[in-house]
């Protein structure tokens, strides 16, 4: 693999890692709000999303180790999962903003 390819992969990993960390921080904040307001339905959703976040972390590690042949598919899978996570976090945020 070329140095340029490795740098591009590292940049992508860093970007996805940043997105995951941002989503996790938002989930932790939302979890605290949900606990303080006894919003049980939201707490369940947040717990589910934190589980999904752990699965994304695992997929990101697999992406880092993937070879050229499986890299694109793994990349697409991780990006899709991160987008779904971010969308779900925004939906929960909207519930708390509206309340």
N, C-alpha and C. Protein backbone atom coordinates (compact mmCIF):
# COMPACT_ATOMS: atom_id res chain seq x y z
N UNK A 1 0.83 -1.18 0.00
CA UNK A 1 0.00 0.00 0.00
C UNK A 1 0.87 1.24 0.00
N UNK A 2 0.43 2.23 -0.69
CA UNK A 2 1.21 3.46 -0.77
C UNK A 2 1.02 4.29 0.49
N UNK A 3 1.96 5.18 0.70
CA UNK A 3 1.87 6.08 1.85
C UNK A 3 0.64 6.96 1.73
N UNK A 4 0.32 7.39 0.53
CA UNK A 4 -0.85 8.24 0.31
C UNK A 4 -2.14 7.49 0.66
N UNK A 5 -2.22 6.22 0.28
CA UNK A 5 -3.38 5.42 0.62
C UNK A 5 -3.50 5.25 2.13
N UNK A 6 -2.38 4.98 2.77
CA UNK A 6 -2.39 4.85 4.23
C UNK A 6 -2.82 6.14 4.90
N UNK A 7 -2.36 7.27 4.39
CA UNK A 7 -2.74 8.56 4.96
C UNK A 7 -4.23 8.82 4.77
N UNK A 8 -4.76 8.45 3.60
CA UNK A 8 -6.19 8.64 3.34
C UNK A 8 -7.02 7.75 4.27
N UNK A 9 -6.57 6.52 4.47
CA UNK A 9 -7.27 5.62 5.39
C UNK A 9 -7.22 6.17 6.81
N UNK A 10 -6.07 6.65 7.22
CA UNK A 10 -5.94 7.19 8.58
C UNK A 10 -6.83 8.41 8.77
N UNK A 11 -6.90 9.26 7.76
CA UNK A 11 -7.77 10.44 7.83
C UNK A 11 -9.23 10.01 7.98
N UNK A 12 -9.63 9.00 7.22
CA UNK A 12 -11.00 8.50 7.32
C UNK A 12 -11.25 7.92 8.70
N UNK A 13 -10.32 7.12 9.21
CA UNK A 13 -10.48 6.54 10.55
C UNK A 13 -10.61 7.64 11.60
N UNK A 14 -9.77 8.66 11.49
CA UNK A 14 -9.82 9.77 12.45
C UNK A 14 -11.17 10.49 12.39
N UNK A 15 -11.67 10.70 11.17
CA UNK A 15 -12.96 11.38 10.99
C UNK A 15 -14.08 10.55 11.62
N UNK A 16 -14.12 9.26 11.32
CA UNK A 16 -15.16 8.40 11.86
C UNK A 16 -15.04 8.30 13.38
N UNK A 17 -13.83 8.18 13.88
CA UNK A 17 -13.61 8.12 15.32
C UNK A 17 -14.12 9.38 15.99
N UNK A 18 -13.88 10.52 15.39
CA UNK A 18 -14.36 11.78 15.92
C UNK A 18 -15.90 11.82 15.94
N UNK A 19 -16.51 11.35 14.86
CA UNK A 19 -17.97 11.30 14.81
C UNK A 19 -18.53 10.40 15.90
N UNK A 20 -17.89 9.26 16.11
CA UNK A 20 -18.35 8.32 17.13
C UNK A 20 -18.21 8.95 18.52
N UNK A 21 -17.10 9.60 18.78
CA UNK A 21 -16.89 10.22 20.10
C UNK A 21 -17.88 11.34 20.35
N UNK A 22 -18.19 12.12 19.31
CA UNK A 22 -19.18 13.19 19.45
C UNK A 22 -20.55 12.60 19.77
N UNK A 23 -20.93 11.55 19.05
CA UNK A 23 -22.21 10.90 19.30
C UNK A 23 -22.27 10.33 20.72
N UNK A 24 -21.18 9.73 21.16
CA UNK A 24 -21.15 9.17 22.50
C UNK A 24 -21.30 10.27 23.55
N UNK A 25 -20.62 11.38 23.37
CA UNK A 25 -20.73 12.48 24.32
C UNK A 25 -22.17 13.00 24.39
N UNK A 26 -22.80 13.12 23.23
CA UNK A 26 -24.20 13.56 23.21
C UNK A 26 -25.10 12.55 23.91
N UNK A 27 -24.84 11.26 23.68
CA UNK A 27 -25.64 10.22 24.33
C UNK A 27 -25.47 10.27 25.84
N UNK A 28 -24.26 10.50 26.31
CA UNK A 28 -24.03 10.58 27.76
C UNK A 28 -24.79 11.77 28.36
N UNK A 29 -24.79 12.91 27.64
CA UNK A 29 -25.53 14.08 28.10
C UNK A 29 -27.02 13.79 28.12
N UNK A 30 -27.51 13.18 27.05
CA UNK A 30 -28.93 12.83 26.97
C UNK A 30 -29.33 11.82 28.05
N UNK A 31 -28.43 10.90 28.33
CA UNK A 31 -28.69 9.91 29.36
C UNK A 31 -28.86 10.58 30.71
N UNK A 32 -28.01 11.55 31.01
CA UNK A 32 -28.11 12.28 32.28
C UNK A 32 -29.43 13.05 32.35
N UNK A 33 -29.82 13.67 31.24
CA UNK A 33 -31.10 14.39 31.21
C UNK A 33 -32.26 13.42 31.40
N UNK A 34 -32.20 12.29 30.72
CA UNK A 34 -33.27 11.31 30.82
C UNK A 34 -33.38 10.76 32.24
N UNK A 35 -32.23 10.53 32.87
CA UNK A 35 -32.24 10.03 34.25
C UNK A 35 -32.83 11.06 35.20
N UNK A 36 -32.51 12.32 34.98
CA UNK A 36 -33.02 13.36 35.89
C UNK A 36 -34.51 13.60 35.71
N UNK A 37 -35.04 13.32 34.53
CA UNK A 37 -36.47 13.52 34.30
C UNK A 37 -37.25 12.20 34.33
N UNK A 38 -36.55 11.13 34.64
CA UNK A 38 -37.15 9.80 34.70
C UNK A 38 -37.84 9.42 33.39
N UNK A 39 -37.18 9.74 32.28
CA UNK A 39 -37.69 9.43 30.94
C UNK A 39 -37.24 8.02 30.57
N UNK A 40 -38.00 7.04 31.01
CA UNK A 40 -37.60 5.63 30.86
C UNK A 40 -37.51 5.19 29.41
N UNK A 41 -38.44 5.64 28.57
CA UNK A 41 -38.40 5.23 27.16
C UNK A 41 -37.12 5.74 26.50
N UNK A 42 -36.75 6.98 26.79
CA UNK A 42 -35.53 7.55 26.23
C UNK A 42 -34.29 6.85 26.78
N UNK A 43 -34.33 6.49 28.05
CA UNK A 43 -33.19 5.77 28.64
C UNK A 43 -32.97 4.44 27.92
N UNK A 44 -34.05 3.75 27.58
CA UNK A 44 -33.93 2.49 26.84
C UNK A 44 -33.33 2.74 25.47
N UNK A 45 -33.81 3.77 24.77
CA UNK A 45 -33.27 4.11 23.45
C UNK A 45 -31.78 4.45 23.54
N UNK A 46 -31.42 5.23 24.55
CA UNK A 46 -30.02 5.62 24.72
C UNK A 46 -29.16 4.40 25.00
N UNK A 47 -29.64 3.51 25.84
CA UNK A 47 -28.88 2.28 26.14
C UNK A 47 -28.68 1.46 24.86
N UNK A 48 -29.73 1.38 24.05
CA UNK A 48 -29.62 0.65 22.77
C UNK A 48 -28.59 1.32 21.85
N UNK A 49 -28.61 2.64 21.81
CA UNK A 49 -27.66 3.37 20.96
C UNK A 49 -26.22 3.22 21.45
N UNK A 50 -26.04 3.18 22.76
CA UNK A 50 -24.69 2.97 23.29
C UNK A 50 -24.18 1.58 22.92
N UNK A 51 -25.09 0.60 22.87
CA UNK A 51 -24.72 -0.74 22.42
C UNK A 51 -24.33 -0.70 20.95
N UNK A 52 -25.11 0.02 20.14
CA UNK A 52 -24.79 0.16 18.72
C UNK A 52 -23.44 0.86 18.54
N UNK A 53 -23.15 1.82 19.39
CA UNK A 53 -21.88 2.55 19.33
C UNK A 53 -20.72 1.59 19.57
N UNK A 54 -20.90 0.66 20.51
CA UNK A 54 -19.85 -0.33 20.78
C UNK A 54 -19.64 -1.22 19.56
N UNK A 55 -20.73 -1.58 18.89
CA UNK A 55 -20.62 -2.40 17.68
C UNK A 55 -19.89 -1.62 16.58
N UNK A 56 -20.14 -0.32 16.51
CA UNK A 56 -19.45 0.52 15.52
C UNK A 56 -17.96 0.58 15.84
N UNK A 57 -17.63 0.69 17.11
CA UNK A 57 -16.21 0.69 17.50
C UNK A 57 -15.53 -0.59 17.02
N UNK A 58 -16.21 -1.71 17.17
CA UNK A 58 -15.66 -2.99 16.74
C UNK A 58 -15.50 -3.01 15.22
N UNK A 59 -16.50 -2.52 14.50
CA UNK A 59 -16.44 -2.48 13.04
C UNK A 59 -15.32 -1.54 12.57
N UNK A 60 -15.10 -0.44 13.31
CA UNK A 60 -14.03 0.49 12.95
C UNK A 60 -12.68 -0.20 13.11
N UNK A 61 -12.52 -0.99 14.16
CA UNK A 61 -11.28 -1.74 14.34
C UNK A 61 -11.08 -2.74 13.20
N UNK A 62 -12.17 -3.37 12.77
CA UNK A 62 -12.08 -4.29 11.64
C UNK A 62 -11.69 -3.53 10.37
N UNK A 63 -12.23 -2.33 10.21
CA UNK A 63 -11.92 -1.50 9.05
C UNK A 63 -10.42 -1.18 9.02
N UNK A 64 -9.88 -0.85 10.16
CA UNK A 64 -8.46 -0.52 10.25
C UNK A 64 -7.58 -1.68 9.83
N UNK A 65 -8.06 -2.90 10.08
CA UNK A 65 -7.27 -4.09 9.79
C UNK A 65 -7.57 -4.68 8.41
N UNK A 66 -8.59 -4.16 7.74
CA UNK A 66 -9.02 -4.77 6.48
C UNK A 66 -8.02 -4.51 5.36
N UNK A 67 -7.97 -5.44 4.45
CA UNK A 67 -7.10 -5.33 3.29
C UNK A 67 -7.79 -4.57 2.18
N UNK A 68 -7.08 -4.40 1.10
CA UNK A 68 -7.61 -3.65 -0.05
C UNK A 68 -8.93 -4.22 -0.55
N UNK A 69 -9.04 -5.54 -0.59
CA UNK A 69 -10.23 -6.17 -1.15
C UNK A 69 -11.50 -5.89 -0.37
N UNK A 70 -11.42 -5.90 0.93
CA UNK A 70 -12.61 -5.72 1.75
C UNK A 70 -12.76 -4.31 2.32
N UNK A 71 -11.81 -3.45 2.05
CA UNK A 71 -11.80 -2.12 2.66
C UNK A 71 -13.04 -1.30 2.28
N UNK A 72 -13.37 -1.24 0.98
CA UNK A 72 -14.48 -0.39 0.55
C UNK A 72 -15.80 -0.84 1.18
N UNK A 73 -16.03 -2.13 1.22
CA UNK A 73 -17.27 -2.63 1.80
C UNK A 73 -17.32 -2.33 3.30
N UNK A 74 -16.22 -2.55 3.98
CA UNK A 74 -16.15 -2.27 5.41
C UNK A 74 -16.34 -0.77 5.67
N UNK A 75 -15.73 0.05 4.83
CA UNK A 75 -15.84 1.51 4.96
C UNK A 75 -17.29 1.93 4.80
N UNK A 76 -17.97 1.41 3.78
CA UNK A 76 -19.37 1.75 3.54
C UNK A 76 -20.24 1.32 4.72
N UNK A 77 -19.98 0.14 5.25
CA UNK A 77 -20.74 -0.37 6.40
C UNK A 77 -20.56 0.54 7.62
N UNK A 78 -19.33 0.90 7.92
CA UNK A 78 -19.05 1.74 9.09
C UNK A 78 -19.68 3.12 8.90
N UNK A 79 -19.52 3.71 7.73
CA UNK A 79 -20.09 5.04 7.48
C UNK A 79 -21.62 5.02 7.61
N UNK A 80 -22.24 3.96 7.12
CA UNK A 80 -23.70 3.83 7.22
C UNK A 80 -24.13 3.71 8.68
N UNK A 81 -23.42 2.90 9.44
CA UNK A 81 -23.75 2.73 10.86
C UNK A 81 -23.58 4.04 11.64
N UNK A 82 -22.52 4.78 11.33
CA UNK A 82 -22.28 6.06 12.02
C UNK A 82 -23.39 7.05 11.66
N UNK A 83 -23.78 7.09 10.40
CA UNK A 83 -24.86 8.00 9.97
C UNK A 83 -26.16 7.65 10.69
N UNK A 84 -26.46 6.36 10.81
CA UNK A 84 -27.67 5.95 11.53
C UNK A 84 -27.60 6.34 13.00
N UNK A 85 -26.43 6.16 13.61
CA UNK A 85 -26.25 6.53 15.01
C UNK A 85 -26.47 8.03 15.19
N UNK A 86 -25.84 8.83 14.34
CA UNK A 86 -25.99 10.28 14.44
C UNK A 86 -27.45 10.70 14.26
N UNK A 87 -28.14 10.08 13.33
CA UNK A 87 -29.55 10.39 13.08
C UNK A 87 -30.39 10.06 14.32
N UNK A 88 -30.13 8.92 14.93
CA UNK A 88 -30.87 8.51 16.12
C UNK A 88 -30.59 9.45 17.30
N UNK A 89 -29.34 9.86 17.44
CA UNK A 89 -28.98 10.79 18.52
C UNK A 89 -29.73 12.11 18.32
N UNK A 90 -29.76 12.60 17.09
CA UNK A 90 -30.47 13.86 16.80
C UNK A 90 -31.96 13.73 17.10
N UNK A 91 -32.54 12.58 16.83
CA UNK A 91 -33.96 12.37 17.11
C UNK A 91 -34.24 12.43 18.62
N UNK A 92 -33.36 11.83 19.41
CA UNK A 92 -33.53 11.89 20.87
C UNK A 92 -33.31 13.31 21.37
N UNK A 93 -32.30 13.99 20.82
CA UNK A 93 -32.06 15.39 21.19
C UNK A 93 -33.30 16.24 20.91
N UNK A 94 -33.94 15.99 19.78
CA UNK A 94 -35.13 16.75 19.41
C UNK A 94 -36.26 16.52 20.41
N UNK A 95 -36.39 15.30 20.92
CA UNK A 95 -37.41 15.01 21.93
C UNK A 95 -37.19 15.84 23.19
N UNK A 96 -35.92 15.94 23.59
CA UNK A 96 -35.63 16.70 24.81
C UNK A 96 -35.75 18.20 24.56
N UNK A 97 -35.44 18.65 23.39
CA UNK A 97 -35.56 20.07 23.05
C UNK A 97 -37.04 20.47 23.01
N UNK A 98 -37.87 19.59 22.49
CA UNK A 98 -39.29 19.86 22.37
C UNK A 98 -39.98 19.80 23.72
N UNK A 99 -39.42 19.05 24.65
CA UNK A 99 -40.08 18.85 25.97
C UNK A 99 -39.90 20.03 26.88
